[in-house]
């Protein structure tokens, strides 16, 4: 029963985030595209899993950032320096996750074409 409730909560959160955030929609598209591209670019089964996994990691960080932003906006819509810094840190986390994803995909592509 607990697993079922957790699954329903997961679905509800993903559905809400997808409807309300363009970045989530873009990353879901990236996830869908990563499945066949990982098969083409990945040089081993493990590398293919890594390629898809790093996109899933990016989606997870974006979901956490969205949750932080929604909670912060619920607290106050007024300009607040501390809340602004918290939102900036969430955005920075997404930026770092994007950098990690880009590096993994870049290295994998370089391996596929024989540069590495």
N, C-alpha and C. Protein backbone atom coordinates (compact mmCIF):
# COMPACT_ATOMS: atom_id res chain seq x y z
N UNK A 1 0.82 -1.20 0.00
CA UNK A 1 0.00 0.00 0.00
C UNK A 1 0.86 1.26 0.00
N UNK A 2 1.93 1.25 0.78
CA UNK A 2 2.82 2.41 0.83
C UNK A 2 3.46 2.66 -0.53
N UNK A 3 3.87 1.58 -1.20
CA UNK A 3 4.46 1.70 -2.52
C UNK A 3 3.48 2.33 -3.51
N UNK A 4 2.23 1.91 -3.42
CA UNK A 4 1.19 2.46 -4.30
C UNK A 4 1.02 3.96 -4.08
N UNK A 5 0.94 4.37 -2.81
CA UNK A 5 0.77 5.80 -2.49
C UNK A 5 1.96 6.61 -2.98
N UNK A 6 3.15 6.05 -2.78
CA UNK A 6 4.36 6.74 -3.24
C UNK A 6 4.35 6.87 -4.77
N UNK A 7 3.89 5.84 -5.45
CA UNK A 7 3.81 5.88 -6.91
C UNK A 7 2.82 6.93 -7.38
N UNK A 8 1.67 7.01 -6.72
CA UNK A 8 0.66 8.02 -7.05
C UNK A 8 1.22 9.41 -6.81
N UNK A 9 1.91 9.62 -5.68
CA UNK A 9 2.51 10.93 -5.39
C UNK A 9 3.56 11.29 -6.44
N UNK A 10 4.35 10.33 -6.84
CA UNK A 10 5.36 10.55 -7.88
C UNK A 10 4.69 10.98 -9.18
N UNK A 11 3.67 10.27 -9.58
CA UNK A 11 2.96 10.60 -10.82
C UNK A 11 2.34 11.99 -10.73
N UNK A 12 1.71 12.29 -9.60
CA UNK A 12 1.08 13.61 -9.42
C UNK A 12 2.12 14.73 -9.49
N UNK A 13 3.26 14.54 -8.83
CA UNK A 13 4.31 15.54 -8.86
C UNK A 13 4.87 15.75 -10.25
N UNK A 14 5.11 14.67 -10.95
CA UNK A 14 5.64 14.77 -12.31
C UNK A 14 4.63 15.41 -13.25
N UNK A 15 3.36 15.07 -13.09
CA UNK A 15 2.31 15.66 -13.92
C UNK A 15 2.20 17.16 -13.67
N UNK A 16 2.17 17.56 -12.41
CA UNK A 16 2.08 18.99 -12.08
C UNK A 16 3.29 19.75 -12.62
N UNK A 17 4.48 19.19 -12.39
CA UNK A 17 5.69 19.86 -12.85
C UNK A 17 5.71 19.98 -14.37
N UNK A 18 5.26 18.95 -15.06
CA UNK A 18 5.23 18.97 -16.52
C UNK A 18 4.27 20.03 -17.03
N UNK A 19 3.14 20.15 -16.38
CA UNK A 19 2.14 21.15 -16.81
C UNK A 19 2.58 22.57 -16.51
N UNK A 20 3.35 22.76 -15.44
CA UNK A 20 3.63 24.13 -15.00
C UNK A 20 5.01 24.64 -15.38
N UNK A 21 5.92 23.78 -15.81
CA UNK A 21 7.30 24.21 -16.04
C UNK A 21 7.81 23.80 -17.42
N UNK A 22 8.20 24.79 -18.20
CA UNK A 22 8.75 24.54 -19.53
C UNK A 22 10.05 23.73 -19.45
N UNK A 23 10.89 24.02 -18.46
CA UNK A 23 12.17 23.31 -18.33
C UNK A 23 11.95 21.81 -18.12
N UNK A 24 10.93 21.45 -17.36
CA UNK A 24 10.63 20.03 -17.14
C UNK A 24 10.21 19.39 -18.46
N UNK A 25 9.36 20.08 -19.21
CA UNK A 25 8.92 19.54 -20.51
C UNK A 25 10.12 19.34 -21.45
N UNK A 26 11.02 20.30 -21.46
CA UNK A 26 12.21 20.18 -22.31
C UNK A 26 13.09 19.01 -21.89
N UNK A 27 13.23 18.82 -20.60
CA UNK A 27 14.08 17.72 -20.13
C UNK A 27 13.42 16.36 -20.33
N UNK A 28 12.10 16.32 -20.30
CA UNK A 28 11.41 15.07 -20.64
C UNK A 28 11.60 14.74 -22.12
N UNK A 29 11.59 15.76 -22.97
CA UNK A 29 11.88 15.54 -24.39
C UNK A 29 13.32 15.04 -24.55
N UNK A 30 14.24 15.65 -23.81
CA UNK A 30 15.64 15.20 -23.85
C UNK A 30 15.75 13.74 -23.40
N UNK A 31 14.97 13.37 -22.40
CA UNK A 31 14.99 11.98 -21.92
C UNK A 31 14.49 11.03 -23.01
N UNK A 32 13.40 11.38 -23.65
CA UNK A 32 12.86 10.54 -24.73
C UNK A 32 13.88 10.42 -25.87
N UNK A 33 14.51 11.53 -26.22
CA UNK A 33 15.52 11.50 -27.28
C UNK A 33 16.77 10.74 -26.86
N UNK A 34 17.08 10.77 -25.57
CA UNK A 34 18.30 10.11 -25.10
C UNK A 34 18.24 8.58 -25.25
N UNK A 35 17.05 8.02 -25.25
CA UNK A 35 16.94 6.56 -25.34
C UNK A 35 17.50 6.02 -26.66
N UNK A 36 17.02 6.48 -27.81
CA UNK A 36 17.63 5.96 -29.04
C UNK A 36 19.05 6.50 -29.27
N UNK A 37 19.30 7.75 -28.88
CA UNK A 37 20.64 8.31 -29.09
C UNK A 37 21.68 7.58 -28.25
N UNK A 38 21.32 7.19 -27.04
CA UNK A 38 22.26 6.44 -26.19
C UNK A 38 22.62 5.12 -26.86
N UNK A 39 21.68 4.52 -27.53
CA UNK A 39 21.94 3.26 -28.23
C UNK A 39 22.92 3.47 -29.39
N UNK A 40 22.78 4.62 -30.07
CA UNK A 40 23.67 4.91 -31.20
C UNK A 40 25.05 5.38 -30.75
N UNK A 41 25.11 6.18 -29.70
CA UNK A 41 26.37 6.80 -29.27
C UNK A 41 27.15 5.93 -28.30
N UNK A 42 26.43 5.27 -27.39
CA UNK A 42 27.10 4.47 -26.37
C UNK A 42 27.88 3.32 -26.97
N UNK A 43 29.11 3.17 -26.51
CA UNK A 43 29.98 2.12 -27.05
C UNK A 43 29.87 0.82 -26.26
N UNK A 44 29.09 0.82 -25.20
CA UNK A 44 28.89 -0.39 -24.41
C UNK A 44 27.54 -0.27 -23.70
N UNK A 45 27.01 -1.38 -23.22
CA UNK A 45 25.74 -1.29 -22.48
C UNK A 45 25.84 -0.38 -21.26
N UNK A 46 26.97 -0.42 -20.57
CA UNK A 46 27.14 0.44 -19.39
C UNK A 46 27.13 1.91 -19.80
N UNK A 47 27.80 2.25 -20.90
CA UNK A 47 27.83 3.64 -21.37
C UNK A 47 26.43 4.11 -21.75
N UNK A 48 25.63 3.23 -22.34
CA UNK A 48 24.26 3.60 -22.70
C UNK A 48 23.44 3.91 -21.46
N UNK A 49 23.62 3.12 -20.43
CA UNK A 49 22.92 3.36 -19.16
C UNK A 49 23.39 4.69 -18.57
N UNK A 50 24.68 4.96 -18.64
CA UNK A 50 25.21 6.23 -18.12
C UNK A 50 24.61 7.42 -18.87
N UNK A 51 24.48 7.30 -20.17
CA UNK A 51 23.95 8.40 -20.97
C UNK A 51 22.50 8.71 -20.60
N UNK A 52 21.70 7.69 -20.44
CA UNK A 52 20.30 7.90 -20.04
C UNK A 52 20.26 8.33 -18.58
N UNK A 53 21.09 7.73 -17.75
CA UNK A 53 21.10 8.05 -16.32
C UNK A 53 21.44 9.50 -16.03
N UNK A 54 22.36 10.08 -16.80
CA UNK A 54 22.73 11.46 -16.56
C UNK A 54 21.58 12.40 -16.94
N UNK A 55 20.77 12.02 -17.91
CA UNK A 55 19.59 12.83 -18.25
C UNK A 55 18.54 12.69 -17.15
N UNK A 56 18.41 11.50 -16.59
CA UNK A 56 17.50 11.31 -15.45
C UNK A 56 17.97 12.12 -14.24
N UNK A 57 19.28 12.18 -14.02
CA UNK A 57 19.83 12.99 -12.94
C UNK A 57 19.49 14.46 -13.16
N UNK A 58 19.64 14.94 -14.37
CA UNK A 58 19.29 16.32 -14.70
C UNK A 58 17.82 16.58 -14.42
N UNK A 59 16.95 15.66 -14.80
CA UNK A 59 15.52 15.81 -14.54
C UNK A 59 15.25 15.86 -13.04
N UNK A 60 15.91 15.01 -12.27
CA UNK A 60 15.72 15.00 -10.82
C UNK A 60 16.14 16.33 -10.20
N UNK A 61 17.27 16.87 -10.63
CA UNK A 61 17.74 18.16 -10.09
C UNK A 61 16.77 19.26 -10.48
N UNK A 62 16.27 19.23 -11.71
CA UNK A 62 15.29 20.24 -12.15
C UNK A 62 14.00 20.15 -11.34
N UNK A 63 13.56 18.93 -11.03
CA UNK A 63 12.36 18.77 -10.20
C UNK A 63 12.58 19.34 -8.80
N UNK A 64 13.75 19.10 -8.23
CA UNK A 64 14.05 19.67 -6.91
C UNK A 64 14.11 21.19 -6.96
N UNK A 65 14.72 21.73 -8.02
CA UNK A 65 14.78 23.18 -8.18
C UNK A 65 13.38 23.76 -8.31
N UNK A 66 12.53 23.11 -9.07
CA UNK A 66 11.15 23.57 -9.23
C UNK A 66 10.42 23.54 -7.89
N UNK A 67 10.64 22.48 -7.12
CA UNK A 67 9.99 22.39 -5.80
C UNK A 67 10.46 23.53 -4.89
N UNK A 68 11.74 23.83 -4.91
CA UNK A 68 12.28 24.93 -4.11
C UNK A 68 11.64 26.25 -4.54
N UNK A 69 11.56 26.48 -5.83
CA UNK A 69 10.99 27.73 -6.33
C UNK A 69 9.51 27.85 -5.96
N UNK A 70 8.76 26.77 -6.11
CA UNK A 70 7.33 26.80 -5.77
C UNK A 70 7.14 27.07 -4.28
N UNK A 71 7.94 26.42 -3.45
CA UNK A 71 7.84 26.64 -2.01
C UNK A 71 8.22 28.07 -1.65
N UNK A 72 9.28 28.57 -2.25
CA UNK A 72 9.71 29.94 -1.96
C UNK A 72 8.63 30.94 -2.39
N UNK A 73 8.01 30.71 -3.53
CA UNK A 73 6.94 31.61 -3.99
C UNK A 73 5.71 31.51 -3.10
N UNK A 74 5.51 30.37 -2.49
CA UNK A 74 4.39 30.20 -1.56
C UNK A 74 4.63 31.00 -0.28
N UNK A 75 5.88 31.11 0.12
CA UNK A 75 6.21 31.87 1.33
C UNK A 75 5.95 33.35 1.13
N UNK A 76 6.44 33.89 0.01
CA UNK A 76 6.22 35.31 -0.29
C UNK A 76 6.53 35.57 -1.75
N UNK A 77 5.76 36.45 -2.35
CA UNK A 77 6.04 36.88 -3.71
C UNK A 77 6.82 38.19 -3.73
N UNK A 78 7.02 38.77 -2.55
CA UNK A 78 7.80 39.99 -2.44
C UNK A 78 9.28 39.69 -2.68
N UNK A 79 10.02 40.73 -3.07
CA UNK A 79 11.46 40.58 -3.24
C UNK A 79 12.09 40.31 -1.88
N UNK A 80 12.80 39.22 -1.76
CA UNK A 80 13.50 38.87 -0.54
C UNK A 80 14.87 38.36 -0.93
N UNK A 81 15.91 39.03 -0.44
CA UNK A 81 17.27 38.70 -0.85
C UNK A 81 17.65 37.27 -0.52
N UNK A 82 17.27 36.79 0.65
CA UNK A 82 17.64 35.44 1.05
C UNK A 82 16.93 34.39 0.19
N UNK A 83 15.64 34.61 -0.08
CA UNK A 83 14.92 33.69 -0.96
C UNK A 83 15.51 33.73 -2.36
N UNK A 84 15.90 34.92 -2.80
CA UNK A 84 16.53 35.04 -4.11
C UNK A 84 17.82 34.24 -4.20
N UNK A 85 18.61 34.26 -3.13
CA UNK A 85 19.85 33.47 -3.11
C UNK A 85 19.55 31.98 -3.13
N UNK A 86 18.51 31.56 -2.41
CA UNK A 86 18.14 30.15 -2.40
C UNK A 86 17.72 29.71 -3.81
N UNK A 87 16.93 30.54 -4.47
CA UNK A 87 16.52 30.23 -5.83
C UNK A 87 17.73 30.18 -6.77
N UNK A 88 18.66 31.09 -6.59
CA UNK A 88 19.87 31.10 -7.40
C UNK A 88 20.69 29.82 -7.19
N UNK A 89 20.74 29.35 -5.95
CA UNK A 89 21.48 28.10 -5.68
C UNK A 89 20.81 26.91 -6.35
N UNK A 90 19.48 26.89 -6.35
CA UNK A 90 18.76 25.83 -7.06
C UNK A 90 19.06 25.88 -8.55
N UNK A 91 19.08 27.08 -9.09
CA UNK A 91 19.41 27.26 -10.50
C UNK A 91 20.84 26.83 -10.79
N UNK A 92 21.74 27.13 -9.88
CA UNK A 92 23.14 26.71 -10.03
C UNK A 92 23.25 25.19 -10.03
N UNK A 93 22.45 24.52 -9.20
CA UNK A 93 22.46 23.06 -9.16
C UNK A 93 22.04 22.49 -10.52
N UNK A 94 21.04 23.10 -11.13
CA UNK A 94 20.61 22.67 -12.47
C UNK A 94 21.75 22.91 -13.46
N UNK A 95 22.41 24.05 -13.35
CA UNK A 95 23.53 24.35 -14.24
C UNK A 95 24.65 23.33 -14.11
N UNK A 96 24.97 22.93 -12.89
CA UNK A 96 26.01 21.92 -12.67
C UNK A 96 25.57 20.58 -13.27
N UNK A 97 24.30 20.21 -13.06
CA UNK A 97 23.80 18.96 -13.63
C UNK A 97 23.86 18.99 -15.16
N UNK A 98 23.54 20.14 -15.75
CA UNK A 98 23.65 20.29 -17.21
C UNK A 98 25.10 20.12 -17.66
N UNK A 99 26.02 20.69 -16.91
CA UNK A 99 27.44 20.57 -17.23
C UNK A 99 27.89 19.11 -17.17
N UNK A 100 27.48 18.41 -16.12
CA UNK A 100 27.81 16.98 -15.99
C UNK A 100 27.25 16.21 -17.18
N UNK A 101 25.98 16.44 -17.50
CA UNK A 101 25.35 15.74 -18.63
C UNK A 101 26.08 16.04 -19.93
N UNK A 102 26.41 17.31 -20.14
CA UNK A 102 27.13 17.68 -21.36
C UNK A 102 28.49 17.00 -21.46
N UNK A 103 29.18 16.91 -20.33
CA UNK A 103 30.50 16.26 -20.34
C UNK A 103 30.37 14.77 -20.66
N UNK A 104 29.40 14.10 -20.04
CA UNK A 104 29.23 12.66 -20.28
C UNK A 104 28.86 12.41 -21.74
N UNK A 105 27.92 13.18 -22.26
CA UNK A 105 27.53 13.02 -23.65
C UNK A 105 28.66 13.39 -24.60
N UNK A 106 29.40 14.46 -24.28
CA UNK A 106 30.51 14.87 -25.13
C UNK A 106 31.61 13.83 -25.20
N UNK A 107 31.98 13.29 -24.05
CA UNK A 107 33.02 12.25 -24.02
C UNK A 107 32.54 11.01 -24.77
N UNK A 108 31.29 10.66 -24.58
CA UNK A 108 30.75 9.47 -25.26
C UNK A 108 30.74 9.65 -26.76
N UNK A 109 30.36 10.84 -27.21
CA UNK A 109 30.36 11.12 -28.64
C UNK A 109 31.79 11.09 -29.19
N UNK A 110 32.72 11.66 -28.44
CA UNK A 110 34.13 11.64 -28.85
C UNK A 110 34.64 10.21 -28.95
N UNK A 111 34.24 9.36 -28.01
CA UNK A 111 34.63 7.95 -28.09
C UNK A 111 34.03 7.27 -29.32
N UNK A 112 32.79 7.58 -29.58
CA UNK A 112 32.10 6.95 -30.72
C UNK A 112 32.76 7.30 -32.05
N UNK A 113 33.18 8.56 -32.20
CA UNK A 113 33.79 8.97 -33.48
C UNK A 113 35.30 8.72 -33.50
N UNK A 114 35.86 8.22 -32.42
CA UNK A 114 37.26 7.84 -32.38
C UNK A 114 38.23 8.92 -32.00
N UNK A 115 37.74 10.02 -31.46
CA UNK A 115 38.63 11.09 -31.01
C UNK A 115 39.32 10.70 -29.71
N UNK A 116 38.64 9.98 -28.86
CA UNK A 116 39.22 9.51 -27.58
C UNK A 116 39.45 8.02 -27.63
